[in-house]
């Protein structure tokens, strides 16, 4: 156990994807500060090695902590990891989401198979049968390629809506929410990504899912206010099996998950000062990310608003000299101004 004023005694933390990397770091730190941890990971055995969740549980117990493994899938609505209830535990207090799958593919080539598992929580979402690459390479000539691309653009749009409506972690949150609301307390930290915040070429599928997690977080934060449920999101950066494919080895080794875990744990604590907030964290650096809105321009509604008028006032529309933060101000001032003009 670690001596600290930030304790989680008699509280239960559910950490998804906790078999390695960032998730493992979260689970180990929370356990060291007194939390009883449900270590969730779907990974199976590899030869003589135990399952990843079992390995982390053994590590926590060896350090004097309390933990149990769980192997349920976070995208399976019938058996979310939150369904685990142990009579020796009190209440389920924290909840972490850690979908860790990232597969590069350009937006126009974002085939349904890449938009399903690990990205939108729809394990079997595949409305058009075989993936486009197989169809194109084996069955279609050059002229025939154009028609299926239009067809798949429609599927791309449908799948995007699925992502926004059911981000990874929806099933877990849906199962946990009634308990948190009933006990008038809960802390949820959703894991997003800088790819979702800013976009990344070649990762339209992953970026869309992670951007959806931000909206998911902000909506839950507003819903949880009356029940003392605080919901925040963190875009972590650390060396892991996923980032090892895109970062130099020396960076992966030095960019430790343990640098991220304290921020996650602080947002899980009862003293967490915010809800609906988004943070970037990695390499010893932590910062909050907020949306900023320009002052904008009100058009004269006595005249038709034309494309030319928009172009003429584009500098006014994009001038951030008197910018506001919509997360703090919300839409009330703007709505009042708009209504006064109508």
Protein backbone atom coordinates (compact mmCIF):
# COMPACT_ATOMS: atom_id res chain seq x y z
CA UNK A 1 0.00 0.00 0.00
CA UNK A 2 1.14 3.53 -0.80
CA UNK A 3 0.86 6.24 1.91
CA UNK A 4 -1.26 9.05 0.48
CA UNK A 5 -4.20 11.26 1.40
CA UNK A 6 -5.91 10.05 -1.77
CA UNK A 7 -7.34 6.72 -0.70
CA UNK A 8 -9.90 4.41 -2.28
CA UNK A 9 -10.55 2.16 0.71
CA UNK A 10 -13.81 0.18 0.54
CA UNK A 11 -14.29 1.27 -3.06
CA UNK A 12 -14.36 -0.94 -6.13
CA UNK A 13 -12.66 0.06 -9.37
CA UNK A 14 -13.43 -1.70 -12.63
CA UNK A 15 -10.61 -1.24 -15.12
CA UNK A 16 -11.24 -2.54 -18.64
CA UNK A 17 -8.36 -3.58 -20.84
CA UNK A 18 -6.29 -3.93 -17.69
CA UNK A 19 -4.19 -6.90 -18.75
CA UNK A 20 -1.28 -4.79 -19.97
CA UNK A 21 -0.01 -1.30 -20.74
CA UNK A 22 -2.08 1.66 -19.61
CA UNK A 23 -4.91 -0.41 -18.16
CA UNK A 24 -2.52 -2.43 -16.04
CA UNK A 25 -0.93 0.79 -14.73
CA UNK A 26 -4.34 2.16 -13.72
CA UNK A 27 -5.31 -1.07 -11.96
CA UNK A 28 -2.03 -1.42 -10.06
CA UNK A 29 -2.04 2.21 -8.86
CA UNK A 30 -5.67 2.15 -7.71
CA UNK A 31 -5.06 -1.11 -5.84
CA UNK A 32 -1.96 0.38 -4.19
CA UNK A 33 -4.17 3.19 -2.87
CA UNK A 34 -6.71 0.82 -1.36
CA UNK A 35 -9.21 0.15 -4.15
CA UNK A 36 -10.59 -3.31 -4.72
CA UNK A 37 -9.98 -3.79 -8.42
CA UNK A 38 -11.84 -5.82 -11.01
CA UNK A 39 -9.17 -6.46 -13.64
CA UNK A 40 -11.00 -6.87 -16.93
CA UNK A 41 -9.25 -8.19 -20.03
CA UNK A 42 -10.49 -10.55 -22.73
CA UNK A 43 -7.01 -11.89 -23.52
CA UNK A 44 -6.52 -15.64 -23.38
CA UNK A 45 -3.61 -17.84 -22.34
CA UNK A 46 -0.40 -17.95 -24.38
CA UNK A 47 1.33 -21.29 -23.97
CA UNK A 48 2.16 -21.78 -20.31
CA UNK A 49 1.47 -18.12 -19.46
CA UNK A 50 -1.74 -17.30 -17.56
CA UNK A 51 -4.31 -14.93 -18.99
CA UNK A 52 -3.29 -11.24 -18.87
CA UNK A 53 -5.98 -10.42 -16.32
CA UNK A 54 -4.75 -13.23 -14.07
CA UNK A 55 -1.17 -11.97 -14.27
CA UNK A 56 -2.16 -8.47 -13.17
CA UNK A 57 -4.29 -9.85 -10.34
CA UNK A 58 -1.33 -11.88 -9.09
CA UNK A 59 0.87 -8.78 -9.25
CA UNK A 60 -1.63 -6.73 -7.24
CA UNK A 61 -2.09 -9.44 -4.63
CA UNK A 62 1.69 -9.85 -4.28
CA UNK A 63 1.83 -6.17 -3.31
CA UNK A 64 -0.87 -6.62 -0.68
CA UNK A 65 -3.75 -5.37 -2.79
CA UNK A 66 -7.17 -6.85 -3.50
CA UNK A 67 -8.17 -7.79 -7.04
CA UNK A 68 -10.19 -10.29 -9.04
CA UNK A 69 -9.97 -11.09 -12.76
CA UNK A 70 -12.78 -10.68 -15.28
CA UNK A 71 -12.76 -11.81 -18.91
CA UNK A 72 -15.99 -10.32 -20.28
CA UNK A 73 -16.01 -8.24 -23.44
CA UNK A 74 -16.79 -4.52 -23.10
CA UNK A 75 -18.78 -4.67 -26.35
CA UNK A 76 -21.03 -7.51 -25.18
CA UNK A 77 -24.20 -5.97 -23.81
CA UNK A 78 -25.33 -9.28 -22.29
CA UNK A 79 -22.26 -9.78 -20.12
CA UNK A 80 -20.50 -6.49 -19.38
CA UNK A 81 -17.71 -6.68 -16.80
CA UNK A 82 -19.82 -4.60 -14.47
CA UNK A 83 -22.08 -7.63 -13.98
CA UNK A 84 -19.37 -9.05 -11.68
CA UNK A 85 -20.50 -8.57 -8.09
CA UNK A 86 -18.62 -9.95 -5.10
CA UNK A 87 -20.37 -9.96 -1.70
CA UNK A 88 -17.08 -9.07 0.00
CA UNK A 89 -16.95 -5.83 -2.00
CA UNK A 90 -19.05 -2.82 -1.04
CA UNK A 91 -20.13 -0.67 -3.97
CA UNK A 92 -18.85 -0.40 -7.52
CA UNK A 93 -17.46 3.11 -7.55
CA UNK A 94 -15.08 3.65 -10.46
CA UNK A 95 -15.32 2.59 -14.04
CA UNK A 96 -12.63 2.79 -16.72
CA UNK A 97 -12.94 2.28 -20.47
CA UNK A 98 -9.85 1.25 -22.37
CA UNK A 99 -10.52 0.08 -25.93
CA UNK A 100 -7.02 -0.41 -27.31
CA UNK A 101 -7.49 -1.48 -30.93
CA UNK A 102 -6.20 0.73 -33.72
CA UNK A 103 -6.02 -0.27 -37.36
CA UNK A 104 -4.98 2.23 -40.03
CA UNK A 105 -7.22 2.66 -43.06
CA UNK A 106 -8.09 5.78 -45.02
CA UNK A 107 -11.60 7.15 -44.49
CA UNK A 108 -12.81 6.29 -47.98
CA UNK A 109 -11.36 2.82 -47.52
CA UNK A 110 -12.76 2.36 -44.03
CA UNK A 111 -14.30 -1.01 -44.65
CA UNK A 112 -17.01 -2.24 -42.26
CA UNK A 113 -14.76 -4.90 -40.74
CA UNK A 114 -12.49 -2.11 -39.46
CA UNK A 115 -15.42 -0.08 -38.20
CA UNK A 116 -16.71 -2.85 -35.95
CA UNK A 117 -14.67 -4.61 -33.28
CA UNK A 118 -12.97 -2.25 -30.87
CA UNK A 119 -14.25 0.91 -32.50
CA UNK A 120 -18.01 1.18 -32.25
CA UNK A 121 -19.09 -1.58 -29.92
CA UNK A 122 -20.85 -3.47 -32.71
CA UNK A 123 -19.06 -6.79 -32.84
CA UNK A 124 -20.97 -8.13 -35.84
CA UNK A 125 -21.79 -4.92 -37.76
CA UNK A 126 -21.11 -5.96 -41.35
CA UNK A 127 -24.14 -5.04 -43.50
CA UNK A 128 -22.70 -5.88 -46.91
CA UNK A 129 -21.13 -9.29 -46.48
CA UNK A 130 -17.49 -9.77 -47.57
CA UNK A 131 -15.12 -6.86 -47.15
CA UNK A 132 -14.58 -4.58 -50.12
CA UNK A 133 -10.92 -5.47 -50.70
CA UNK A 134 -11.77 -9.12 -51.44
CA UNK A 135 -14.71 -8.21 -53.66
CA UNK A 136 -12.68 -5.67 -55.60
CA UNK A 137 -9.53 -7.74 -56.03
CA UNK A 138 -11.17 -11.04 -56.95
CA UNK A 139 -14.53 -10.30 -58.57
CA UNK A 140 -14.61 -6.81 -60.05
CA UNK A 141 -13.02 -5.17 -63.05
CA UNK A 142 -11.83 -1.57 -63.14
CA UNK A 143 -15.14 -0.17 -64.39
CA UNK A 144 -17.15 -2.07 -61.77
CA UNK A 145 -15.14 -0.66 -58.86
CA UNK A 146 -16.93 2.68 -58.95
CA UNK A 147 -20.40 1.37 -58.14
CA UNK A 148 -19.44 -0.55 -54.99
CA UNK A 149 -17.46 2.46 -53.75
CA UNK A 150 -20.69 4.50 -53.79
CA UNK A 151 -22.45 1.62 -52.08
CA UNK A 152 -19.80 1.44 -49.39
CA UNK A 153 -19.87 5.18 -48.87
CA UNK A 154 -23.48 4.72 -47.74
CA UNK A 155 -22.36 1.92 -45.41
CA UNK A 156 -19.55 4.15 -44.12
CA UNK A 157 -22.15 6.78 -43.18
CA UNK A 158 -24.41 4.23 -41.48
CA UNK A 159 -21.51 2.81 -39.51
CA UNK A 160 -20.42 6.28 -38.42
CA UNK A 161 -23.84 6.80 -36.84
CA UNK A 162 -23.45 3.49 -35.04
CA UNK A 163 -20.15 4.65 -33.57
CA UNK A 164 -21.54 7.88 -32.22
CA UNK A 165 -24.58 6.20 -30.71
CA UNK A 166 -22.80 3.21 -29.20
CA UNK A 167 -19.16 3.89 -28.39
CA UNK A 168 -17.08 1.15 -26.88
CA UNK A 169 -17.99 1.08 -23.22
CA UNK A 170 -21.67 1.80 -23.71
CA UNK A 171 -22.66 -1.62 -22.36
CA UNK A 172 -20.41 -1.25 -19.32
CA UNK A 173 -21.71 2.21 -18.50
CA UNK A 174 -25.30 1.16 -19.08
CA UNK A 175 -24.88 -1.65 -16.56
CA UNK A 176 -23.05 0.47 -14.00
CA UNK A 177 -25.21 3.58 -14.11
CA UNK A 178 -28.18 2.32 -12.03
CA UNK A 179 -25.86 1.30 -9.16
CA UNK A 180 -24.04 4.62 -9.18
CA UNK A 181 -27.26 6.58 -9.35
CA UNK A 182 -28.77 4.50 -6.56
CA UNK A 183 -25.84 5.13 -4.21
CA UNK A 184 -25.62 8.81 -5.26
CA UNK A 185 -21.95 8.46 -6.12
CA UNK A 186 -19.74 7.38 -8.98
CA UNK A 187 -16.64 8.23 -10.94
CA UNK A 188 -16.17 7.32 -14.61
CA UNK A 189 -13.06 7.99 -16.66
CA UNK A 190 -13.46 7.30 -20.37
CA UNK A 191 -10.39 6.84 -22.53
CA UNK A 192 -10.32 8.90 -25.70
CA UNK A 193 -7.38 9.70 -27.99
CA UNK A 194 -5.63 12.66 -29.58
CA UNK A 195 -6.68 11.06 -32.86
CA UNK A 196 -10.28 11.60 -31.83
CA UNK A 197 -9.61 15.15 -30.65
CA UNK A 198 -7.63 16.34 -33.67
CA UNK A 199 -7.97 13.66 -36.34
CA UNK A 200 -5.31 11.48 -37.91
CA UNK A 201 -4.85 10.48 -41.54
CA UNK A 202 -5.41 6.78 -42.02
CA UNK A 203 -7.42 6.32 -38.82
CA UNK A 204 -10.88 7.63 -39.63
CA UNK A 205 -12.48 4.60 -37.96
CA UNK A 206 -10.50 4.91 -34.72
CA UNK A 207 -10.74 8.72 -34.67
CA UNK A 208 -14.51 8.66 -35.11
CA UNK A 209 -14.96 6.23 -32.23
CA UNK A 210 -12.70 8.25 -29.94
CA UNK A 211 -14.37 11.54 -30.87
CA UNK A 212 -17.69 9.89 -30.06
CA UNK A 213 -16.30 9.04 -26.62
CA UNK A 214 -15.87 12.77 -25.93
CA UNK A 215 -19.53 13.51 -26.67
CA UNK A 216 -20.52 10.42 -24.68
CA UNK A 217 -18.51 11.73 -21.72
CA UNK A 218 -19.98 15.23 -21.81
CA UNK A 219 -23.56 13.97 -22.04
CA UNK A 220 -23.07 11.54 -19.13
CA UNK A 221 -21.47 14.32 -17.07
CA UNK A 222 -24.63 16.41 -17.37
CA UNK A 223 -26.86 13.43 -16.60
CA UNK A 224 -24.83 12.52 -13.53
CA UNK A 225 -24.81 15.92 -11.80
CA UNK A 226 -27.82 15.22 -9.55
CA UNK A 227 -26.42 11.86 -8.48
CA UNK A 228 -22.84 13.01 -7.74
CA UNK A 229 -21.56 10.98 -10.68
CA UNK A 230 -18.57 12.66 -12.28
CA UNK A 231 -17.53 11.64 -15.78
CA UNK A 232 -14.33 12.79 -17.48
CA UNK A 233 -12.20 11.70 -20.42
CA UNK A 234 -8.46 11.35 -20.86
CA UNK A 235 -6.44 11.04 -24.07
CA UNK A 236 -3.38 9.15 -22.80
CA UNK A 237 -0.02 8.80 -24.46
CA UNK A 238 2.29 5.97 -23.50
CA UNK A 239 4.44 3.21 -24.86
CA UNK A 240 2.31 0.11 -25.41
CA UNK A 241 1.85 -2.81 -27.78
CA UNK A 242 -0.26 -0.51 -29.94
CA UNK A 243 2.10 2.50 -30.05
CA UNK A 244 5.12 0.21 -30.50
CA UNK A 245 4.11 -0.17 -34.15
CA UNK A 246 4.40 3.57 -34.84
CA UNK A 247 6.94 4.96 -32.34
CA UNK A 248 10.71 4.39 -32.00
CA UNK A 249 11.62 1.72 -29.45
CA UNK A 250 13.49 4.19 -27.23
CA UNK A 251 10.39 6.40 -27.04
CA UNK A 252 8.12 3.46 -26.22
CA UNK A 253 10.39 2.43 -23.33
CA UNK A 254 10.64 5.93 -21.83
CA UNK A 255 7.02 6.96 -22.42
CA UNK A 256 5.73 5.00 -19.45
CA UNK A 257 2.06 4.21 -18.67
CA UNK A 258 2.88 4.95 -15.01
CA UNK A 259 3.14 8.64 -15.96
CA UNK A 260 -0.54 8.65 -16.95
CA UNK A 261 -2.03 6.59 -14.12
CA UNK A 262 -1.93 9.31 -11.38
CA UNK A 263 -4.14 11.64 -13.45
CA UNK A 264 -6.62 8.83 -14.05
CA UNK A 265 -6.66 7.96 -10.34
CA UNK A 266 -7.14 11.59 -9.29
CA UNK A 267 -10.20 11.88 -11.55
CA UNK A 268 -11.53 8.71 -9.88
CA UNK A 269 -11.21 10.15 -6.39
CA UNK A 270 -14.13 11.57 -4.45
CA UNK A 271 -12.37 14.96 -4.45
CA UNK A 272 -12.18 15.14 -8.26
CA UNK A 273 -12.94 18.82 -8.97
CA UNK A 274 -14.48 18.53 -12.43
CA UNK A 275 -16.91 16.65 -14.63
CA UNK A 276 -17.34 16.64 -18.38
CA UNK A 277 -13.70 17.63 -18.83
CA UNK A 278 -11.19 16.27 -21.34
CA UNK A 279 -7.46 15.94 -20.70
CA UNK A 280 -4.32 14.99 -22.59
CA UNK A 281 -1.73 13.13 -20.56
CA UNK A 282 1.59 11.49 -21.30
CA UNK A 283 5.33 11.63 -20.75
CA UNK A 284 4.96 13.56 -17.50
CA UNK A 285 2.76 16.25 -19.09
CA UNK A 286 -0.96 16.77 -18.35
CA UNK A 287 -3.22 19.43 -19.86
CA UNK A 288 -6.93 20.14 -20.19
CA UNK A 289 -8.52 20.44 -23.63
CA UNK A 290 -11.51 22.72 -24.18
CA UNK A 291 -13.61 23.82 -27.12
CA UNK A 292 -13.27 27.47 -28.11
CA UNK A 293 -15.90 29.42 -30.05
CA UNK A 294 -15.30 32.65 -31.97
CA UNK A 295 -17.50 35.67 -31.33
CA UNK A 296 -19.10 35.04 -34.69
CA UNK A 297 -21.14 37.36 -36.88
CA UNK A 298 -24.89 38.08 -36.92
CA UNK A 299 -26.30 38.57 -40.40
CA UNK A 300 -29.05 41.07 -41.13
CA UNK A 301 -32.16 38.90 -41.23
CA UNK A 302 -34.02 41.58 -43.16
CA UNK A 303 -31.88 40.55 -46.12
CA UNK A 304 -31.35 37.12 -47.69
CA UNK A 305 -28.23 35.40 -46.36
CA UNK A 306 -26.22 34.58 -49.47
CA UNK A 307 -23.03 32.65 -50.08
CA UNK A 308 -21.42 35.97 -50.98
CA UNK A 309 -22.44 37.41 -47.61
CA UNK A 310 -20.84 34.47 -45.80
CA UNK A 311 -17.64 34.92 -47.81
CA UNK A 312 -17.61 38.69 -47.18
CA UNK A 313 -17.79 38.18 -43.42
CA UNK A 314 -15.59 35.10 -43.17
CA UNK A 315 -12.91 36.99 -41.22
CA UNK A 316 -15.54 38.05 -38.69
CA UNK A 317 -16.85 34.50 -38.41
CA UNK A 318 -13.39 33.08 -37.75
CA UNK A 319 -12.05 35.89 -35.56
CA UNK A 320 -11.15 34.48 -32.13
CA UNK A 321 -10.17 37.82 -30.57
CA UNK A 322 -13.22 37.71 -28.27
CA UNK A 323 -13.57 33.96 -28.09
CA UNK A 324 -15.69 32.18 -25.48
CA UNK A 325 -15.55 28.72 -24.00
CA UNK A 326 -18.85 26.93 -24.75
CA UNK A 327 -18.16 24.32 -22.06
CA UNK A 328 -18.44 27.10 -19.47
CA UNK A 329 -20.83 29.51 -21.19
CA UNK A 330 -22.92 26.87 -22.96
CA UNK A 331 -25.38 28.21 -25.52
CA UNK A 332 -27.54 30.52 -23.38
CA UNK A 333 -25.90 33.87 -24.32
CA UNK A 334 -25.84 32.99 -28.00
CA UNK A 335 -29.45 31.82 -27.98
CA UNK A 336 -30.54 35.06 -26.33
CA UNK A 337 -28.74 37.07 -28.99
CA UNK A 338 -30.18 34.97 -31.80
CA UNK A 339 -33.72 35.24 -30.43
CA UNK A 340 -33.37 39.01 -30.08
CA UNK A 341 -32.52 39.22 -33.79
CA UNK A 342 -35.46 37.13 -34.97
